[in-house]
Amino acid sequence: HLERQLSNRHIQLIAIGGAIGTGLFMGSGKTISAAGPSVI
């Protein structure tokens, strides 16, 4: 069966990695140009 090998630091950084997607780095240019400062 699947083993519980992911520690607290793994879970925390996996959650951060999930929250910071490619859309922020690559897609934010389009979002800003469409919405302006209201993108905040």
PDB file of all heavy atoms in Angstrom:
ATOM      1  N   HIS A   1       0.840  -1.196   0.000  1.00  0.00           N
ATOM      2  CA  HIS A   1       0.000   0.000   0.000  1.00  0.00           C
ATOM      3  C   HIS A   1       0.874   1.243   0.000  1.00  0.00           C
ATOM      4  O   HIS A   1       2.078   1.190   0.238  1.00  0.00           O
ATOM      5  CB  HIS A   1      -0.926   0.005   1.219  1.00  0.00           C
ATOM      6  CG  HIS A   1      -0.193  -0.164   2.514  1.00  0.00           C
ATOM      7  ND1 HIS A   1       0.449   0.883   3.141  1.00  0.00           N
ATOM      8  CD2 HIS A   1       0.011  -1.265   3.286  1.00  0.00           C
ATOM      9  CE1 HIS A   1       1.013   0.442   4.259  1.00  0.00           C
ATOM     10  NE2 HIS A   1       0.774  -0.855   4.359  1.00  0.00           N
ATOM     11  N   LEU A   2       0.248   2.388  -0.305  1.00  0.00           N
ATOM     12  CA  LEU A   2       0.961   3.662  -0.289  1.00  0.00           C
ATOM     13  C   LEU A   2       1.499   3.928   1.112  1.00  0.00           C
ATOM     14  O   LEU A   2       0.822   3.658   2.105  1.00  0.00           O
ATOM     15  CB  LEU A   2       0.020   4.806  -0.713  1.00  0.00           C
ATOM     16  CG  LEU A   2      -0.523   4.744  -2.145  1.00  0.00           C
ATOM     17  CD1 LEU A   2      -1.551   5.853  -2.358  1.00  0.00           C
ATOM     18  CD2 LEU A   2       0.591   4.853  -3.170  1.00  0.00           C
ATOM     19  N   GLU A   3       2.717   4.452   1.195  1.00  0.00           N
ATOM     20  CA  GLU A   3       3.337   4.688   2.494  1.00  0.00           C
ATOM     21  C   GLU A   3       3.331   6.170   2.850  1.00  0.00           C
ATOM     22  O   GLU A   3       3.433   7.038   1.979  1.00  0.00           O
ATOM     23  CB  GLU A   3       4.789   4.180   2.478  1.00  0.00           C
ATOM     24  CG  GLU A   3       4.889   2.662   2.405  1.00  0.00           C
ATOM     25  CD  GLU A   3       6.314   2.183   2.628  1.00  0.00           C
ATOM     26  OE1 GLU A   3       7.256   2.945   2.337  1.00  0.00           O
ATOM     27  OE2 GLU A   3       6.474   1.047   3.099  1.00  0.00           O
ATOM     28  N   ARG A   4       3.235   6.439   4.168  1.00  0.00           N
ATOM     29  CA  ARG A   4       3.219   7.819   4.652  1.00  0.00           C
ATOM     30  C   ARG A   4       4.664   8.312   4.814  1.00  0.00           C
ATOM     31  O   ARG A   4       5.246   8.232   5.887  1.00  0.00           O
ATOM     32  CB  ARG A   4       2.449   7.905   5.969  1.00  0.00           C
ATOM     33  CG  ARG A   4       0.971   7.551   5.801  1.00  0.00           C
ATOM     34  CD  ARG A   4       0.171   7.778   7.077  1.00  0.00           C
ATOM     35  NE  ARG A   4      -1.217   7.446   6.861  1.00  0.00           N
ATOM     36  CZ  ARG A   4      -2.127   8.283   6.367  1.00  0.00           C
ATOM     37  NH1 ARG A   4      -1.782   9.505   6.037  1.00  0.00           N
ATOM     38  NH2 ARG A   4      -3.383   7.902   6.204  1.00  0.00           N
ATOM     39  N   GLN A   5       5.223   8.843   3.709  1.00  0.00           N
ATOM     40  CA  GLN A   5       6.609   9.287   3.708  1.00  0.00           C
ATOM     41  C   GLN A   5       6.752  10.803   3.581  1.00  0.00           C
ATOM     42  O   GLN A   5       7.852  11.329   3.650  1.00  0.00           O
ATOM     43  CB  GLN A   5       7.374   8.631   2.550  1.00  0.00           C
ATOM     44  CG  GLN A   5       7.489   7.117   2.663  1.00  0.00           C
ATOM     45  CD  GLN A   5       8.309   6.536   1.521  1.00  0.00           C
ATOM     46  OE1 GLN A   5       8.974   7.253   0.779  1.00  0.00           O
ATOM     47  NE2 GLN A   5       8.276   5.226   1.382  1.00  0.00           N
ATOM     48  N   LEU A   6       5.644  11.525   3.364  1.00  0.00           N
ATOM     49  CA  LEU A   6       5.714  12.977   3.169  1.00  0.00           C
ATOM     50  C   LEU A   6       5.640  13.683   4.526  1.00  0.00           C
ATOM     51  O   LEU A   6       4.630  13.618   5.216  1.00  0.00           O
ATOM     52  CB  LEU A   6       4.581  13.456   2.256  1.00  0.00           C
ATOM     53  CG  LEU A   6       4.628  12.910   0.815  1.00  0.00           C
ATOM     54  CD1 LEU A   6       3.414  13.384   0.042  1.00  0.00           C
ATOM     55  CD2 LEU A   6       5.908  13.329   0.109  1.00  0.00           C
ATOM     56  N   SER A   7       6.724  14.363   4.884  1.00  0.00           N
ATOM     57  CA  SER A   7       6.809  15.047   6.177  1.00  0.00           C
ATOM     58  C   SER A   7       6.123  16.407   6.118  1.00  0.00           C
ATOM     59  O   SER A   7       5.629  16.836   5.063  1.00  0.00           O
ATOM     60  CB  SER A   7       8.279  15.230   6.572  1.00  0.00           C
ATOM     61  OG  SER A   7       8.906  16.121   5.664  1.00  0.00           O
ATOM     62  N   ASN A   8       6.113  17.113   7.244  1.00  0.00           N
ATOM     63  CA  ASN A   8       5.480  18.427   7.314  1.00  0.00           C
ATOM     64  C   ASN A   8       6.082  19.394   6.306  1.00  0.00           C
ATOM     65  O   ASN A   8       5.371  20.121   5.615  1.00  0.00           O
ATOM     66  CB  ASN A   8       5.616  18.993   8.735  1.00  0.00           C
ATOM     67  CG  ASN A   8       5.034  20.387   8.846  1.00  0.00           C
ATOM     68  OD1 ASN A   8       3.914  20.635   8.437  1.00  0.00           O
ATOM     69  ND2 ASN A   8       5.806  21.324   9.368  1.00  0.00           N
ATOM     70  N   ARG A   9       7.419  19.437   6.204  1.00  0.00           N
ATOM     71  CA  ARG A   9       8.036  20.393   5.268  1.00  0.00           C
ATOM     72  C   ARG A   9       7.687  20.043   3.822  1.00  0.00           C
ATOM     73  O   ARG A   9       7.504  20.943   2.987  1.00  0.00           O
ATOM     74  CB  ARG A   9       9.553  20.445   5.458  1.00  0.00           C
ATOM     75  CG  ARG A   9      10.331  19.232   5.017  1.00  0.00           C
ATOM     76  CD  ARG A   9      11.823  19.390   5.306  1.00  0.00           C
ATOM     77  NE  ARG A   9      12.573  18.222   4.879  1.00  0.00           N
ATOM     78  CZ  ARG A   9      13.131  18.108   3.676  1.00  0.00           C
ATOM     79  NH1 ARG A   9      13.027  19.110   2.811  1.00  0.00           N
ATOM     80  NH2 ARG A   9      13.793  17.028   3.333  1.00  0.00           N
ATOM     81  N   HIS A  10       7.553  18.739   3.512  1.00  0.00           N
ATOM     82  CA  HIS A  10       7.131  18.353   2.167  1.00  0.00           C
ATOM     83  C   HIS A  10       5.714  18.848   1.890  1.00  0.00           C
ATOM     84  O   HIS A  10       5.449  19.449   0.843  1.00  0.00           O
ATOM     85  CB  HIS A  10       7.178  16.830   2.004  1.00  0.00           C
ATOM     86  CG  HIS A  10       8.557  16.257   2.020  1.00  0.00           C
ATOM     87  ND1 HIS A  10       8.864  15.083   2.667  1.00  0.00           N
ATOM     88  CD2 HIS A  10       9.721  16.695   1.486  1.00  0.00           C
ATOM     89  CE1 HIS A  10      10.155  14.818   2.512  1.00  0.00           C
ATOM     90  NE2 HIS A  10      10.694  15.788   1.808  1.00  0.00           N
ATOM     91  N   ILE A  11       4.796  18.576   2.834  1.00  0.00           N
ATOM     92  CA  ILE A  11       3.394  18.964   2.647  1.00  0.00           C
ATOM     93  C   ILE A  11       3.265  20.485   2.508  1.00  0.00           C
ATOM     94  O   ILE A  11       2.539  20.995   1.655  1.00  0.00           O
ATOM     95  CB  ILE A  11       2.524  18.470   3.831  1.00  0.00           C
ATOM     96  CG1 ILE A  11       2.552  16.937   3.920  1.00  0.00           C
ATOM     97  CG2 ILE A  11       1.096  18.967   3.708  1.00  0.00           C
ATOM     98  CD1 ILE A  11       1.965  16.238   2.724  1.00  0.00           C
ATOM     99  N   GLN A  12       3.972  21.235   3.363  1.00  0.00           N
ATOM    100  CA  GLN A  12       3.909  22.692   3.314  1.00  0.00           C
ATOM    101  C   GLN A  12       4.380  23.224   1.961  1.00  0.00           C
ATOM    102  O   GLN A  12       3.741  24.090   1.361  1.00  0.00           O
ATOM    103  CB  GLN A  12       4.780  23.292   4.432  1.00  0.00           C
ATOM    104  CG  GLN A  12       4.238  23.103   5.832  1.00  0.00           C
ATOM    105  CD  GLN A  12       2.994  23.934   6.096  1.00  0.00           C
ATOM    106  OE1 GLN A  12       2.808  24.989   5.522  1.00  0.00           O
ATOM    107  NE2 GLN A  12       2.128  23.446   6.959  1.00  0.00           N
ATOM    108  N   LEU A  13       5.496  22.708   1.468  1.00  0.00           N
ATOM    109  CA  LEU A  13       6.040  23.219   0.208  1.00  0.00           C
ATOM    110  C   LEU A  13       5.262  22.703  -0.993  1.00  0.00           C
ATOM    111  O   LEU A  13       5.147  23.409  -2.007  1.00  0.00           O
ATOM    112  CB  LEU A  13       7.524  22.858   0.090  1.00  0.00           C
ATOM    113  CG  LEU A  13       8.520  23.882   0.664  1.00  0.00           C
ATOM    114  CD1 LEU A  13       8.518  25.168  -0.154  1.00  0.00           C
ATOM    115  CD2 LEU A  13       8.243  24.209   2.123  1.00  0.00           C
ATOM    116  N   ILE A  14       4.685  21.502  -0.899  1.00  0.00           N
ATOM    117  CA  ILE A  14       3.813  21.017  -1.970  1.00  0.00           C
ATOM    118  C   ILE A  14       2.586  21.924  -2.073  1.00  0.00           C
ATOM    119  O   ILE A  14       2.129  22.274  -3.164  1.00  0.00           O
ATOM    120  CB  ILE A  14       3.396  19.551  -1.719  1.00  0.00           C
ATOM    121  CG1 ILE A  14       4.584  18.613  -1.986  1.00  0.00           C
ATOM    122  CG2 ILE A  14       2.212  19.154  -2.605  1.00  0.00           C
ATOM    123  CD1 ILE A  14       4.350  17.188  -1.526  1.00  0.00           C
ATOM    124  N   ALA A  15       2.054  22.331  -0.908  1.00  0.00           N
ATOM    125  CA  ALA A  15       0.894  23.236  -0.891  1.00  0.00           C
ATOM    126  C   ALA A  15       1.263  24.590  -1.494  1.00  0.00           C
ATOM    127  O   ALA A  15       0.493  25.178  -2.254  1.00  0.00           O
ATOM    128  CB  ALA A  15       0.389  23.409   0.532  1.00  0.00           C
ATOM    129  N   ILE A  16       2.467  25.101  -1.172  1.00  0.00           N
ATOM    130  CA  ILE A  16       2.922  26.375  -1.743  1.00  0.00           C
ATOM    131  C   ILE A  16       3.124  26.222  -3.246  1.00  0.00           C
ATOM    132  O   ILE A  16       2.714  27.076  -4.040  1.00  0.00           O
ATOM    133  CB  ILE A  16       4.229  26.836  -1.070  1.00  0.00           C
ATOM    134  CG1 ILE A  16       3.966  27.233   0.382  1.00  0.00           C
ATOM    135  CG2 ILE A  16       4.839  28.017  -1.825  1.00  0.00           C
ATOM    136  CD1 ILE A  16       5.216  27.574   1.162  1.00  0.00           C
ATOM    137  N   GLY A  17       3.752  25.107  -3.638  1.00  0.00           N
ATOM    138  CA  GLY A  17       3.972  24.864  -5.062  1.00  0.00           C
ATOM    139  C   GLY A  17       2.661  24.790  -5.826  1.00  0.00           C
ATOM    140  O   GLY A  17       2.560  25.253  -6.959  1.00  0.00           O
ATOM    141  N   GLY A  18       1.633  24.211  -5.184  1.00  0.00           N
ATOM    142  CA  GLY A  18       0.324  24.157  -5.813  1.00  0.00           C
ATOM    143  C   GLY A  18      -0.328  25.521  -5.909  1.00  0.00           C
ATOM    144  O   GLY A  18      -1.006  25.836  -6.879  1.00  0.00           O
ATOM    145  N   ALA A  19      -0.099  26.354  -4.895  1.00  0.00           N
ATOM    146  CA  ALA A  19      -0.720  27.686  -4.876  1.00  0.00           C
ATOM    147  C   ALA A  19      -0.039  28.649  -5.841  1.00  0.00           C
ATOM    148  O   ALA A  19      -0.658  29.592  -6.324  1.00  0.00           O
ATOM    149  CB  ALA A  19      -0.681  28.264  -3.462  1.00  0.00           C
ATOM    150  N   ILE A  20       1.258  28.436  -6.120  1.00  0.00           N
ATOM    151  CA  ILE A  20       1.985  29.307  -7.053  1.00  0.00           C
ATOM    152  C   ILE A  20       2.142  28.552  -8.363  1.00  0.00           C
ATOM    153  O   ILE A  20       3.060  27.762  -8.525  1.00  0.00           O
ATOM    154  CB  ILE A  20       3.382  29.684  -6.517  1.00  0.00           C
ATOM    155  CG1 ILE A  20       3.291  30.223  -5.102  1.00  0.00           C
ATOM    156  CG2 ILE A  20       4.040  30.715  -7.413  1.00  0.00           C
ATOM    157  CD1 ILE A  20       4.641  30.402  -4.436  1.00  0.00           C
ATOM    158  N   GLY A  21       1.218  28.758  -9.288  1.00  0.00           N
ATOM    159  CA  GLY A  21       1.238  28.014 -10.533  1.00  0.00           C
ATOM    160  C   GLY A  21       1.973  28.732 -11.645  1.00  0.00           C
ATOM    161  O   GLY A  21       2.424  29.870 -11.514  1.00  0.00           O
ATOM    162  N   THR A  22       2.056  28.038 -12.787  1.00  0.00           N
ATOM    163  CA  THR A  22       2.670  28.616 -13.978  1.00  0.00           C
ATOM    164  C   THR A  22       1.904  29.854 -14.418  1.00  0.00           C
ATOM    165  O   THR A  22       2.473  30.764 -15.012  1.00  0.00           O
ATOM    166  CB  THR A  22       2.658  27.572 -15.122  1.00  0.00           C
ATOM    167  OG1 THR A  22       3.127  26.335 -14.611  1.00  0.00           O
ATOM    168  CG2 THR A  22       3.525  28.005 -16.274  1.00  0.00           C
ATOM    169  N   GLY A  23       0.597  29.893 -14.109  1.00  0.00           N
ATOM    170  CA  GLY A  23      -0.225  31.036 -14.507  1.00  0.00           C
ATOM    171  C   GLY A  23       0.274  32.351 -13.949  1.00  0.00           C
ATOM    172  O   GLY A  23       0.095  33.403 -14.567  1.00  0.00           O
ATOM    173  N   LEU A  24       0.900  32.336 -12.762  1.00  0.00           N
ATOM    174  CA  LEU A  24       1.414  33.577 -12.186  1.00  0.00           C
ATOM    175  C   LEU A  24       2.611  34.082 -12.979  1.00  0.00           C
ATOM    176  O   LEU A  24       2.692  35.258 -13.316  1.00  0.00           O
ATOM    177  CB  LEU A  24       1.811  33.366 -10.724  1.00  0.00           C
ATOM    178  CG  LEU A  24       2.434  34.582 -10.023  1.00  0.00           C
ATOM    179  CD1 LEU A  24       1.460  35.738  -9.973  1.00  0.00           C
ATOM    180  CD2 LEU A  24       2.904  34.221  -8.625  1.00  0.00           C
ATOM    181  N   PHE A  25       3.541  33.196 -13.307  1.00  0.00           N
ATOM    182  CA  PHE A  25       4.757  33.612 -14.003  1.00  0.00           C
ATOM    183  C   PHE A  25       4.512  33.884 -15.487  1.00  0.00           C
ATOM    184  O   PHE A  25       5.034  34.834 -16.045  1.00  0.00           O
ATOM    185  CB  PHE A  25       5.834  32.527 -13.857  1.00  0.00           C
ATOM    186  CG  PHE A  25       6.412  32.441 -12.478  1.00  0.00           C
ATOM    187  CD1 PHE A  25       6.004  31.450 -11.604  1.00  0.00           C
ATOM    188  CD2 PHE A  25       7.360  33.359 -12.049  1.00  0.00           C
ATOM    189  CE1 PHE A  25       6.539  31.376 -10.325  1.00  0.00           C
ATOM    190  CE2 PHE A  25       7.891  33.287 -10.770  1.00  0.00           C
ATOM    191  CZ  PHE A  25       7.479  32.289  -9.903  1.00  0.00           C
ATOM    192  N   MET A  26       3.723  33.003 -16.123  1.00  0.00           N
ATOM    193  CA  MET A  26       3.544  33.117 -17.569  1.00  0.00           C
ATOM    194  C   MET A  26       2.262  33.848 -17.948  1.00  0.00           C
ATOM    195  O   MET A  26       2.219  34.557 -18.945  1.00  0.00           O
ATOM    196  CB  MET A  26       3.538  31.731 -18.214  1.00  0.00           C
ATOM    197  CG  MET A  26       3.550  31.758 -19.730  1.00  0.00           C
ATOM    198  SD  MET A  26       3.794  30.114 -20.438  1.00  0.00           S
ATOM    199  CE  MET A  26       3.815  30.512 -22.191  1.00  0.00           C
ATOM    200  N   GLY A  27       1.200  33.674 -17.153  1.00  0.00           N
ATOM    201  CA  GLY A  27      -0.098  34.213 -17.536  1.00  0.00           C
ATOM    202  C   GLY A  27      -0.440  35.574 -16.985  1.00  0.00           C
ATOM    203  O   GLY A  27      -1.400  36.204 -17.428  1.00  0.00           O
ATOM    204  N   SER A  28       0.346  36.070 -15.997  1.00  0.00           N
ATOM    205  CA  SER A  28      -0.025  37.336 -15.362  1.00  0.00           C
ATOM    206  C   SER A  28       0.110  38.528 -16.297  1.00  0.00           C
ATOM    207  O   SER A  28      -0.551  39.546 -16.108  1.00  0.00           O
ATOM    208  CB  SER A  28       0.806  37.563 -14.088  1.00  0.00           C
ATOM    209  OG  SER A  28       2.185  37.450 -14.346  1.00  0.00           O
ATOM    210  N   GLY A  29       0.952  38.427 -17.334  1.00  0.00           N
ATOM    211  CA  GLY A  29       1.061  39.517 -18.311  1.00  0.00           C
ATOM    212  C   GLY A  29      -0.262  39.755 -19.012  1.00  0.00           C
ATOM    213  O   GLY A  29      -0.718  40.898 -19.153  1.00  0.00           O
ATOM    214  N   LYS A  30      -0.917  38.673 -19.424  1.00  0.00           N
ATOM    215  CA  LYS A  30      -2.217  38.786 -20.082  1.00  0.00           C
ATOM    216  C   LYS A  30      -3.276  39.288 -19.107  1.00  0.00           C
ATOM    217  O   LYS A  30      -4.120  40.124 -19.458  1.00  0.00           O
ATOM    218  CB  LYS A  30      -2.631  37.431 -20.659  1.00  0.00           C
ATOM    219  CG  LYS A  30      -3.996  37.460 -21.336  1.00  0.00           C
ATOM    220  CD  LYS A  30      -4.382  36.098 -21.875  1.00  0.00           C
ATOM    221  CE  LYS A  30      -5.775  36.156 -22.525  1.00  0.00           C
ATOM    222  NZ  LYS A  30      -6.199  34.845 -23.077  1.00  0.00           N
ATOM    223  N   THR A  31      -3.238  38.772 -17.874  1.00  0.00           N
ATOM    224  CA  THR A  31      -4.232  39.174 -16.878  1.00  0.00           C
ATOM    225  C   THR A  31      -4.139  40.664 -16.575  1.00  0.00           C
ATOM    226  O   THR A  31      -5.153  41.358 -16.500  1.00  0.00           O
ATOM    227  CB  THR A  31      -4.037  38.375 -15.574  1.00  0.00           C
ATOM    228  OG1 THR A  31      -3.793  37.017 -15.887  1.00  0.00           O
ATOM    229  CG2 THR A  31      -5.257  38.455 -14.698  1.00  0.00           C
ATOM    230  N   ILE A  32      -2.918  41.158 -16.397  1.00  0.00           N
ATOM    231  CA  ILE A  32      -2.712  42.585 -16.092  1.00  0.00           C
ATOM    232  C   ILE A  32      -3.154  43.443 -17.266  1.00  0.00           C
ATOM    233  O   ILE A  32      -3.823  44.469 -17.092  1.00  0.00           O
ATOM    234  CB  ILE A  32      -1.238  42.859 -15.730  1.00  0.00           C
ATOM    235  CG1 ILE A  32      -0.881  42.183 -14.410  1.00  0.00           C
ATOM    236  CG2 ILE A  32      -0.975  44.363 -15.642  1.00  0.00           C
ATOM    237  CD1 ILE A  32       0.604  42.190 -14.084  1.00  0.00           C
ATOM    238  N   SER A  33      -2.794  43.042 -18.493  1.00  0.00           N
ATOM    239  CA  SER A  33      -3.163  43.855 -19.664  1.00  0.00           C
ATOM    240  C   SER A  33      -4.676  43.901 -19.860  1.00  0.00           C
ATOM    241  O   SER A  33      -5.209  44.864 -20.404  1.00  0.00           O
ATOM    242  CB  SER A  33      -2.485  43.294 -20.921  1.00  0.00           C
ATOM    243  OG  SER A  33      -2.944  41.985 -21.204  1.00  0.00           O
ATOM    244  N   ALA A  34      -5.382  42.872 -19.409  1.00  0.00           N
ATOM    245  CA  ALA A  34      -6.845  42.831 -19.562  1.00  0.00           C
ATOM    246  C   ALA A  34      -7.567  43.595 -18.465  1.00  0.00           C
ATOM    247  O   ALA A  34      -8.513  44.343 -18.725  1.00  0.00           O
ATOM    248  CB  ALA A  34      -7.322  41.380 -19.573  1.00  0.00           C
ATOM    249  N   ALA A  35      -7.113  43.429 -17.205  1.00  0.00           N
ATOM    250  CA  ALA A  35      -7.853  43.972 -16.059  1.00  0.00           C
ATOM    251  C   ALA A  35      -7.223  45.228 -15.467  1.00  0.00           C
ATOM    252  O   ALA A  35      -7.882  45.934 -14.695  1.00  0.00           O
ATOM    253  CB  ALA A  35      -7.979  42.905 -14.975  1.00  0.00           C
ATOM    254  N   GLY A  36      -5.950  45.499 -15.778  1.00  0.00           N
ATOM    255  CA  GLY A  36      -5.283  46.628 -15.138  1.00  0.00           C
ATOM    256  C   GLY A  36      -5.051  46.348 -13.665  1.00  0.00           C
ATOM    257  O   GLY A  36      -5.020  45.186 -13.240  1.00  0.00           O
ATOM    258  N   PRO A  37      -4.908  47.379 -12.849  1.00  0.00           N
ATOM    259  CA  PRO A  37      -4.661  47.181 -11.418  1.00  0.00           C
ATOM    260  C   PRO A  37      -5.757  46.413 -10.681  1.00  0.00           C
ATOM    261  O   PRO A  37      -5.519  45.881  -9.602  1.00  0.00           O
ATOM    262  CB  PRO A  37      -4.547  48.610 -10.873  1.00  0.00           C
ATOM    263  CG  PRO A  37      -4.127  49.426 -12.061  1.00  0.00           C
ATOM    264  CD  PRO A  37      -4.814  48.803 -13.232  1.00  0.00           C
ATOM    265  N   SER A  38      -6.955  46.338 -11.276  1.00  0.00           N
ATOM    266  CA  SER A  38      -8.037  45.586 -10.621  1.00  0.00           C
ATOM    267  C   SER A  38      -7.705  44.096 -10.532  1.00  0.00           C
ATOM    268  O   SER A  38      -8.373  43.349  -9.809  1.00  0.00           O
ATOM    269  CB  SER A  38      -9.359  45.768 -11.370  1.00  0.00           C
ATOM    270  OG  SER A  38      -9.322  45.173 -12.657  1.00  0.00           O
ATOM    271  N   VAL A  39      -6.643  43.666 -11.230  1.00  0.00           N
ATOM    272  CA  VAL A  39      -6.218  42.270 -11.148  1.00  0.00           C
ATOM    273  C   VAL A  39      -5.849  41.897  -9.705  1.00  0.00           C
ATOM    274  O   VAL A  39      -5.946  40.736  -9.308  1.00  0.00           O
ATOM    275  CB  VAL A  39      -5.024  42.017 -12.102  1.00  0.00           C
ATOM    276  CG1 VAL A  39      -3.752  42.661 -11.583  1.00  0.00           C
ATOM    277  CG2 VAL A  39      -4.799  40.518 -12.294  1.00  0.00           C
ATOM    278  N   ILE A  40      -5.458  42.885  -8.908  1.00  0.00           N
ATOM    279  CA  ILE A  40      -5.153  42.646  -7.488  1.00  0.00           C
ATOM    280  C   ILE A  40      -6.384  42.075  -6.791  1.00  0.00           C
ATOM    281  O   ILE A  40      -6.304  41.089  -6.048  1.00  0.00           O
ATOM    282  CB  ILE A  40      -4.708  43.953  -6.802  1.00  0.00           C
ATOM    283  CG1 ILE A  40      -3.391  44.439  -7.408  1.00  0.00           C
ATOM    284  CG2 ILE A  40      -4.578  43.775  -5.295  1.00  0.00           C
ATOM    285  CD1 ILE A  40      -3.026  45.856  -7.004  1.00  0.00           C
TER     286      ILE A  40
END
